[in-house]
Amino acid sequence: MEETSTSASAGTAAHGRQRAFPPARSGVFYRFTQQNLPAWKPAMTPGCVITIFLVIGVTFVPVGLVCLRASKHVTEIVHRYDIDCLPNAYKRNKQAYIKNSSISKNCTQMVKVKYYMRAPIYVYYELDNFYQNHRRYVKSRSDKQLHYGQKYTDSSCGPIERNDGLPVVPCGLIAWSLFNDTYGFTRGSTQVKVNRKNISWKSDRESKFGKDVYPFNFQNGSLIGGRRLDHHLPLSEQEDLIVWMRTAALPQFRKLYGVIEEDLHVDEIIIMHIENNYNTYSFGGKKSLILTTSSWLGGKNDFLGYAYLGTGSLSLFLTILFALIHVKNPM
C-alpha cells in the first residue's frame, strides 16, 4: 500500500508539474514556427514541364529579335585617339609627353560618317583599364561636403582631404582625378555645336550637389590630378564633375560629354579637335571618342538580344527533346 500511495503521489506531483507550464499556443504563429502551414506543391508532370519550356521559348525568341533589331538601328562612330595623338618624337616616352605642360596637347583627327545619324547624337568619352570600382577610390569622397560645403570635410576624403592646411572642395580621389580632355567638332568650315547642358542626372544636380557649395582650394599647388573647376559656379552646375562622380562598375566605361543636336549625313568628314590632357599612359589605359545615336532600348547593346535568343532557343530545344522522350516513354 505504501508503494502504491507513493507511486500515486509521485504521479500526482508529476501531473501537477506538467500542468504548471502554460499550454502551447495554437494559431498562425505557432503553425508558422513549426513549418506546418498549408502549401501548394505543384506536380511537375512531363506535360507541365514541356509547356513551361515552350512558353519561355515562344516568348523569348521574338523579344530577342526585337532587341537586336533596335540595337542594329543604333549608329556608332568609335575612334581611339590616345595613340594617334602622340607626337612621333614621344612614341617611346609617353610619360614625358603627357607630363610636360610646355608641349601642346592639341590634336586633330578625322572620321568619315558611314551611315546617316539622326539627332540627337550623343558624344561619349570611353576609358579602358580604369578601375573606378576600386574600394579605396570609391570611398574617397564626402557626400555631405558635396551637398553642404567644406565644414563637412572629413577623413573619408583621404588622401585628397586638405592642401596647405585648408580643406579641398570637392575632396577625395574621385573628384581629384576628374577627366580633363576636351573636344570640338567641325565639318568643312562649319562648327558643330555640342550641348553640354543636362548631361547629368537631374536627381544628382538637385539632391546630391549643393547650390551654395563652390570649389575651394581645388587642384592647387602640388595636388593636381585632372581638370580644374570654375570657382564661380556652384557644384550643382558643374555637370562634368557630377557625371564623373557617378563611378562605373567595370574597368571599361563610357561617360557622357555632350549632345550634338543636328544630323550627320553619309560620307561627311567630321574633324575632331581634341585636347589630349588626361594621363592614361601611366597605367596602360585607353581613350576613345564616341558618337552614337540611340533607340527606344538605349544605346547599342547586342548582348541583350543574343541573351534572349539563346535562352529562347535553348528552351525550344528542350521542349522538343522532352516531347520526344515523353512520346517514346510515357512513363
Protein backbone atom coordinates (compact mmCIF):
# COMPACT_ATOMS: atom_id res chain seq x y z
CA MET A 1 0.00 0.00 0.00
CA GLU A 2 2.81 2.35 0.78
CA GLU A 3 4.38 1.75 -2.62
CA THR A 4 1.04 2.33 -4.31
CA SER A 5 0.48 5.53 -2.37
CA THR A 6 3.98 6.69 -3.09
CA SER A 7 3.54 6.00 -6.82
CA ALA A 8 0.19 7.79 -6.83
CA SER A 9 1.66 10.75 -5.03
CA ALA A 10 4.59 10.88 -7.47
CA GLY A 11 2.21 10.68 -10.40
CA THR A 12 0.05 13.45 -8.95
CA ALA A 13 3.13 15.63 -8.39
CA ALA A 14 4.38 14.97 -11.90
CA HIS A 15 0.95 15.76 -13.29
CA GLY A 16 0.91 18.97 -11.27
CA ARG A 17 4.31 19.96 -12.56
CA GLN A 18 3.16 19.29 -16.12
CA ARG A 19 0.08 21.47 -15.71
CA ALA A 20 2.21 24.24 -14.25
CA PHE A 21 3.51 25.06 -17.77
CA PRO A 22 1.14 27.10 -19.99
CA PRO A 23 -0.34 25.19 -22.87
CA ALA A 24 1.28 25.68 -26.27
CA ARG A 25 -0.35 28.42 -28.26
CA SER A 26 -2.22 27.36 -31.34
CA GLY A 27 -2.80 29.53 -34.40
CA VAL A 28 -0.91 31.05 -37.29
CA PHE A 29 2.30 31.91 -35.44
CA TYR A 30 2.61 28.50 -33.84
CA ARG A 31 1.98 26.74 -37.14
CA PHE A 32 4.40 29.07 -38.90
CA THR A 33 7.24 28.39 -36.45
CA GLN A 34 6.58 24.68 -36.73
CA GLN A 35 6.50 24.91 -40.56
CA ASN A 36 3.05 23.41 -40.50
CA LEU A 37 1.30 25.85 -42.83
CA PRO A 38 -0.63 24.57 -45.84
CA ALA A 39 1.42 24.70 -49.02
CA TRP A 40 0.83 24.25 -52.70
CA LYS A 41 3.10 21.64 -54.20
CA PRO A 42 2.76 21.56 -57.97
CA ALA A 43 3.17 18.19 -59.60
CA MET A 44 5.76 18.69 -62.33
CA THR A 45 4.35 16.27 -64.87
CA PRO A 46 6.03 15.88 -68.27
CA GLY A 47 3.25 17.85 -69.89
CA CYS A 48 3.67 20.71 -67.44
CA VAL A 49 7.46 20.89 -67.97
CA ILE A 50 7.12 20.81 -71.76
CA THR A 51 4.52 23.61 -71.63
CA ILE A 52 6.72 25.82 -69.44
CA PHE A 53 9.73 25.49 -71.77
CA LEU A 54 7.51 26.07 -74.80
CA VAL A 55 6.08 29.31 -73.35
CA ILE A 56 9.57 30.56 -72.46
CA GLY A 57 10.91 29.78 -75.94
CA VAL A 58 7.96 31.30 -77.81
CA THR A 59 8.21 34.47 -75.68
CA PHE A 60 11.98 34.98 -75.54
CA VAL A 61 12.84 34.42 -79.21
CA PRO A 62 10.65 37.27 -80.56
CA VAL A 63 11.81 39.58 -77.76
CA GLY A 64 15.43 38.83 -78.66
CA LEU A 65 14.80 39.57 -82.34
CA VAL A 66 13.14 42.89 -81.46
CA CYS A 67 16.05 43.86 -79.19
CA LEU A 68 18.61 43.00 -81.88
CA ARG A 69 16.67 44.98 -84.46
CA ALA A 70 16.62 48.03 -82.17
CA SER A 71 20.35 47.67 -81.50
CA LYS A 72 21.18 47.39 -85.20
CA HIS A 73 19.46 50.72 -85.85
CA VAL A 74 21.90 52.47 -83.50
CA THR A 75 24.81 54.02 -85.39
CA GLU A 76 28.17 54.46 -83.68
CA ILE A 77 31.47 56.06 -84.54
CA VAL A 78 34.22 54.85 -82.19
CA HIS A 79 37.65 56.44 -82.54
CA ARG A 80 40.58 55.66 -80.23
CA TYR A 81 42.90 58.67 -80.10
CA ASP A 82 45.38 58.23 -77.23
CA ILE A 83 47.97 56.65 -79.54
CA ASP A 84 47.24 58.70 -82.67
CA CYS A 85 47.56 61.97 -80.72
CA LEU A 86 51.11 61.21 -79.58
CA PRO A 87 53.83 63.15 -81.42
CA ASN A 88 56.29 60.87 -83.19
CA ALA A 89 59.13 62.10 -81.00
CA TYR A 90 57.33 60.81 -77.88
CA LYS A 91 56.05 57.45 -79.11
CA ARG A 92 58.53 55.67 -76.84
CA ASN A 93 58.29 58.12 -73.95
CA LYS A 94 54.60 58.79 -73.41
CA GLN A 95 55.07 59.96 -69.81
CA ALA A 96 57.42 62.76 -70.84
CA TYR A 97 54.84 63.98 -73.34
CA ILE A 98 51.79 63.97 -71.07
CA LYS A 99 53.58 65.47 -68.04
CA ASN A 100 55.30 68.29 -69.93
CA SER A 101 52.95 71.28 -69.84
CA SER A 102 55.03 73.16 -72.41
CA ILE A 103 54.13 70.65 -75.14
CA SER A 104 50.90 71.36 -76.99
CA LYS A 105 48.24 68.70 -76.37
CA ASN A 106 46.05 69.79 -79.27
CA CYS A 107 45.27 67.03 -81.74
CA THR A 108 43.18 66.84 -84.91
CA GLN A 109 41.56 63.62 -86.06
CA MET A 110 39.24 62.97 -89.00
CA VAL A 111 36.47 60.39 -89.24
CA LYS A 112 34.04 59.59 -92.01
CA VAL A 113 30.32 59.16 -91.37
CA LYS A 114 29.37 55.80 -92.87
CA TYR A 115 25.67 55.86 -92.01
CA TYR A 116 23.10 58.59 -91.61
CA MET A 117 22.98 59.73 -87.99
CA ARG A 118 19.80 61.40 -86.83
CA ALA A 119 19.95 63.93 -83.98
CA PRO A 120 20.29 63.82 -81.05
CA ILE A 121 23.81 62.39 -81.37
CA TYR A 122 25.47 61.63 -78.04
CA VAL A 123 29.16 62.33 -77.51
CA TYR A 124 30.86 59.99 -75.05
CA TYR A 125 34.43 59.51 -73.92
CA GLU A 126 35.44 55.94 -73.14
CA LEU A 127 38.20 54.85 -70.79
CA ASP A 128 39.61 51.35 -70.63
CA ASN A 129 41.64 49.76 -67.81
CA PHE A 130 40.49 52.44 -65.37
CA TYR A 131 39.16 50.83 -62.17
CA GLN A 132 36.71 53.33 -60.72
CA ASN A 133 35.26 50.47 -58.69
CA HIS A 134 38.41 50.10 -56.56
CA ARG A 135 37.39 50.09 -52.89
CA ARG A 136 39.70 52.88 -51.77
CA TYR A 137 38.86 55.02 -54.80
CA VAL A 138 35.09 54.68 -54.36
CA LYS A 139 35.24 55.54 -50.64
CA SER A 140 37.45 58.63 -51.15
CA ARG A 141 34.66 61.24 -51.17
CA SER A 142 32.32 63.11 -48.83
CA ASP A 143 28.70 63.26 -49.94
CA LYS A 144 27.90 65.64 -47.09
CA GLN A 145 30.60 68.04 -48.26
CA LEU A 146 29.29 67.94 -51.83
CA HIS A 147 25.86 68.97 -50.55
CA TYR A 148 26.59 71.22 -47.55
CA GLY A 149 30.12 72.58 -48.02
CA GLN A 150 33.66 72.44 -46.65
CA LYS A 151 32.70 72.18 -42.96
CA TYR A 152 31.88 68.52 -43.64
CA THR A 153 35.36 67.67 -44.91
CA ASP A 154 36.41 64.51 -43.08
CA SER A 155 38.90 61.67 -43.16
CA SER A 156 36.81 59.74 -45.72
CA CYS A 157 38.29 62.05 -48.35
CA GLY A 158 41.86 60.87 -47.78
CA PRO A 159 44.40 61.16 -49.27
CA ILE A 160 42.97 64.26 -51.01
CA GLU A 161 41.47 65.91 -47.93
CA ARG A 162 43.48 69.09 -47.31
CA ASN A 163 46.05 71.16 -49.15
CA ASP A 164 48.30 73.61 -47.29
CA GLY A 165 46.19 73.02 -44.18
CA LEU A 166 42.95 74.09 -45.85
CA PRO A 167 40.05 71.84 -46.89
CA VAL A 168 39.73 70.86 -50.54
CA VAL A 169 36.26 71.19 -52.09
CA PRO A 170 35.33 68.83 -53.65
CA CYS A 171 37.63 66.48 -51.78
CA GLY A 172 38.65 62.89 -52.46
CA LEU A 173 40.33 60.88 -55.19
CA ILE A 174 37.27 60.72 -57.45
CA ALA A 175 36.96 64.49 -57.83
CA TRP A 176 40.75 64.98 -57.91
CA SER A 177 41.08 62.62 -60.91
CA LEU A 178 38.37 64.42 -62.92
CA PHE A 179 38.66 63.78 -66.68
CA ASN A 180 40.09 66.83 -68.46
CA ASP A 181 40.24 66.07 -72.18
CA THR A 182 38.16 68.46 -74.30
CA TYR A 183 36.53 68.00 -77.70
CA GLY A 184 35.27 70.13 -80.56
CA PHE A 185 33.90 69.23 -83.99
CA THR A 186 33.77 70.81 -87.43
CA ARG A 187 32.54 69.66 -90.83
CA GLY A 188 34.06 71.64 -93.66
CA SER A 189 34.28 75.18 -92.37
CA THR A 190 31.23 74.88 -90.12
CA GLN A 191 31.50 74.28 -86.41
CA VAL A 192 29.32 71.55 -84.98
CA LYS A 193 27.83 72.72 -81.69
CA VAL A 194 27.87 70.40 -78.70
CA ASN A 195 25.28 70.98 -76.00
CA ARG A 196 26.94 70.49 -72.60
CA LYS A 197 23.80 71.14 -70.53
CA ASN A 198 21.66 68.49 -68.83
CA ILE A 199 24.20 65.71 -69.37
CA SER A 200 23.95 64.61 -65.73
CA TRP A 201 21.08 63.06 -63.79
CA LYS A 202 18.54 65.61 -62.60
CA SER A 203 18.35 63.90 -59.21
CA ASP A 204 22.12 64.33 -58.77
CA ARG A 205 22.01 68.03 -59.64
CA GLU A 206 19.13 68.78 -57.32
CA SER A 207 19.76 66.44 -54.40
CA LYS A 208 23.44 65.48 -54.16
CA PHE A 209 25.37 68.61 -55.15
CA GLY A 210 24.82 71.87 -53.27
CA LYS A 211 23.64 75.02 -55.00
CA ASP A 212 25.60 77.11 -52.50
CA VAL A 213 28.77 75.00 -52.48
CA TYR A 214 31.63 76.32 -54.61
CA PRO A 215 35.00 74.76 -55.47
CA PHE A 216 37.63 75.78 -52.95
CA ASN A 217 41.37 75.09 -52.92
CA PHE A 218 40.83 72.55 -55.72
CA GLN A 219 43.73 71.46 -57.99
CA ASN A 220 46.05 73.97 -56.32
CA GLY A 221 49.75 73.72 -55.56
CA SER A 222 51.21 70.26 -55.98
CA LEU A 223 47.83 68.49 -55.78
CA ILE A 224 46.98 68.48 -59.47
CA GLY A 225 45.34 65.40 -60.88
CA GLY A 226 42.80 66.30 -63.52
CA ARG A 227 40.55 69.09 -64.67
CA ARG A 228 40.14 72.39 -62.86
CA LEU A 229 36.70 73.69 -61.92
CA ASP A 230 35.13 77.12 -62.38
CA HIS A 231 35.24 78.74 -58.94
CA HIS A 232 32.30 80.99 -59.84
CA LEU A 233 29.89 78.11 -60.42
CA PRO A 234 28.32 76.02 -57.65
CA LEU A 235 28.86 72.27 -57.70
CA SER A 236 25.24 71.72 -58.82
CA GLU A 237 26.15 73.39 -62.14
CA GLN A 238 29.49 71.60 -62.65
CA GLU A 239 27.98 68.84 -64.78
CA ASP A 240 31.27 67.28 -65.89
CA LEU A 241 32.06 66.72 -62.22
CA ILE A 242 28.60 65.31 -61.50
CA VAL A 243 28.89 62.82 -64.37
CA TRP A 244 32.39 61.78 -63.28
CA MET A 245 31.42 61.32 -59.62
CA ARG A 246 28.91 58.62 -60.54
CA THR A 247 31.54 55.87 -60.57
CA ALA A 248 31.50 53.00 -63.05
CA ALA A 249 31.27 49.34 -62.08
CA LEU A 250 33.58 47.99 -64.81
CA PRO A 251 37.11 48.96 -65.89
CA GLN A 252 35.85 49.89 -69.36
CA PHE A 253 33.19 52.57 -69.25
CA ARG A 254 31.67 55.49 -71.12
CA LYS A 255 30.61 58.85 -69.75
CA LEU A 256 28.50 61.46 -71.50
CA TYR A 257 30.35 64.57 -72.69
CA GLY A 258 27.61 66.36 -74.62
CA VAL A 259 24.92 66.15 -77.28
CA ILE A 260 25.06 67.17 -80.95
CA GLU A 261 21.62 68.44 -81.96
CA GLU A 262 21.99 68.29 -85.75
CA ASP A 263 22.01 65.38 -88.19
CA LEU A 264 25.18 63.95 -89.70
CA HIS A 265 24.93 62.67 -93.26
CA VAL A 266 26.56 59.78 -95.10
CA ASP A 267 30.12 60.37 -96.36
CA GLU A 268 30.58 63.58 -94.39
CA ILE A 269 34.05 64.15 -92.96
CA ILE A 270 33.97 65.16 -89.31
CA ILE A 271 37.08 66.80 -87.91
CA MET A 272 37.64 66.15 -84.20
CA HIS A 273 39.60 68.79 -82.32
CA ILE A 274 40.94 67.04 -79.24
CA GLU A 275 42.93 68.38 -76.33
CA ASN A 276 44.75 65.28 -75.10
CA ASN A 277 45.41 66.12 -71.43
CA TYR A 278 44.34 63.10 -69.39
CA ASN A 279 47.16 60.80 -68.34
CA THR A 280 46.10 57.25 -69.16
CA TYR A 281 49.64 56.31 -70.22
CA SER A 282 50.84 55.79 -66.65
CA PHE A 283 48.51 52.80 -66.11
CA GLY A 284 48.24 51.46 -69.66
CA GLY A 285 44.76 52.86 -70.22
CA LYS A 286 42.99 53.63 -73.47
CA LYS A 287 40.92 56.64 -74.52
CA SER A 288 38.26 56.72 -77.22
CA LEU A 289 35.81 59.30 -78.51
CA ILE A 290 32.36 58.02 -79.45
CA LEU A 291 29.50 59.50 -81.44
CA THR A 292 26.32 57.47 -81.21
CA THR A 293 22.59 57.64 -81.78
CA SER A 294 20.04 55.87 -79.59
CA SER A 295 16.85 53.84 -79.84
CA TRP A 296 13.93 53.09 -77.52
CA LEU A 297 16.19 50.46 -75.97
CA GLY A 298 19.00 52.95 -75.34
CA GLY A 299 22.47 52.67 -76.85
CA LYS A 300 23.96 49.89 -78.93
CA ASN A 301 23.68 46.63 -76.98
CA ASP A 302 23.67 43.33 -78.91
CA PHE A 303 24.22 41.26 -75.77
CA LEU A 304 20.64 41.67 -74.54
CA GLY A 305 19.20 40.44 -77.83
CA TYR A 306 21.56 37.48 -78.05
CA ALA A 307 20.83 36.57 -74.43
CA TYR A 308 17.10 36.42 -75.12
CA LEU A 309 17.67 34.47 -78.35
CA GLY A 310 19.98 31.99 -76.66
CA THR A 311 17.62 31.37 -73.74
CA GLY A 312 14.60 31.06 -76.03
CA SER A 313 16.36 28.73 -78.47
CA LEU A 314 17.58 26.51 -75.63
CA SER A 315 14.04 26.33 -74.22
CA LEU A 316 12.60 25.33 -77.61
CA PHE A 317 15.29 22.69 -77.98
CA LEU A 318 14.47 21.26 -74.54
CA THR A 319 10.76 21.35 -75.45
CA ILE A 320 11.34 19.18 -78.50
CA LEU A 321 13.73 16.88 -76.61
CA PHE A 322 11.35 16.30 -73.69
CA ALA A 323 8.39 15.83 -76.05
CA LEU A 324 10.22 13.10 -77.97
CA ILE A 325 11.26 11.38 -74.74
CA HIS A 326 7.69 11.58 -73.44
CA VAL A 327 6.25 10.13 -76.66
CA LYS A 328 8.77 7.31 -76.68
CA ASN A 329 8.50 6.54 -72.97
CA PRO A 330 5.27 7.98 -71.46
CA MET A 331 6.04 6.54 -68.03
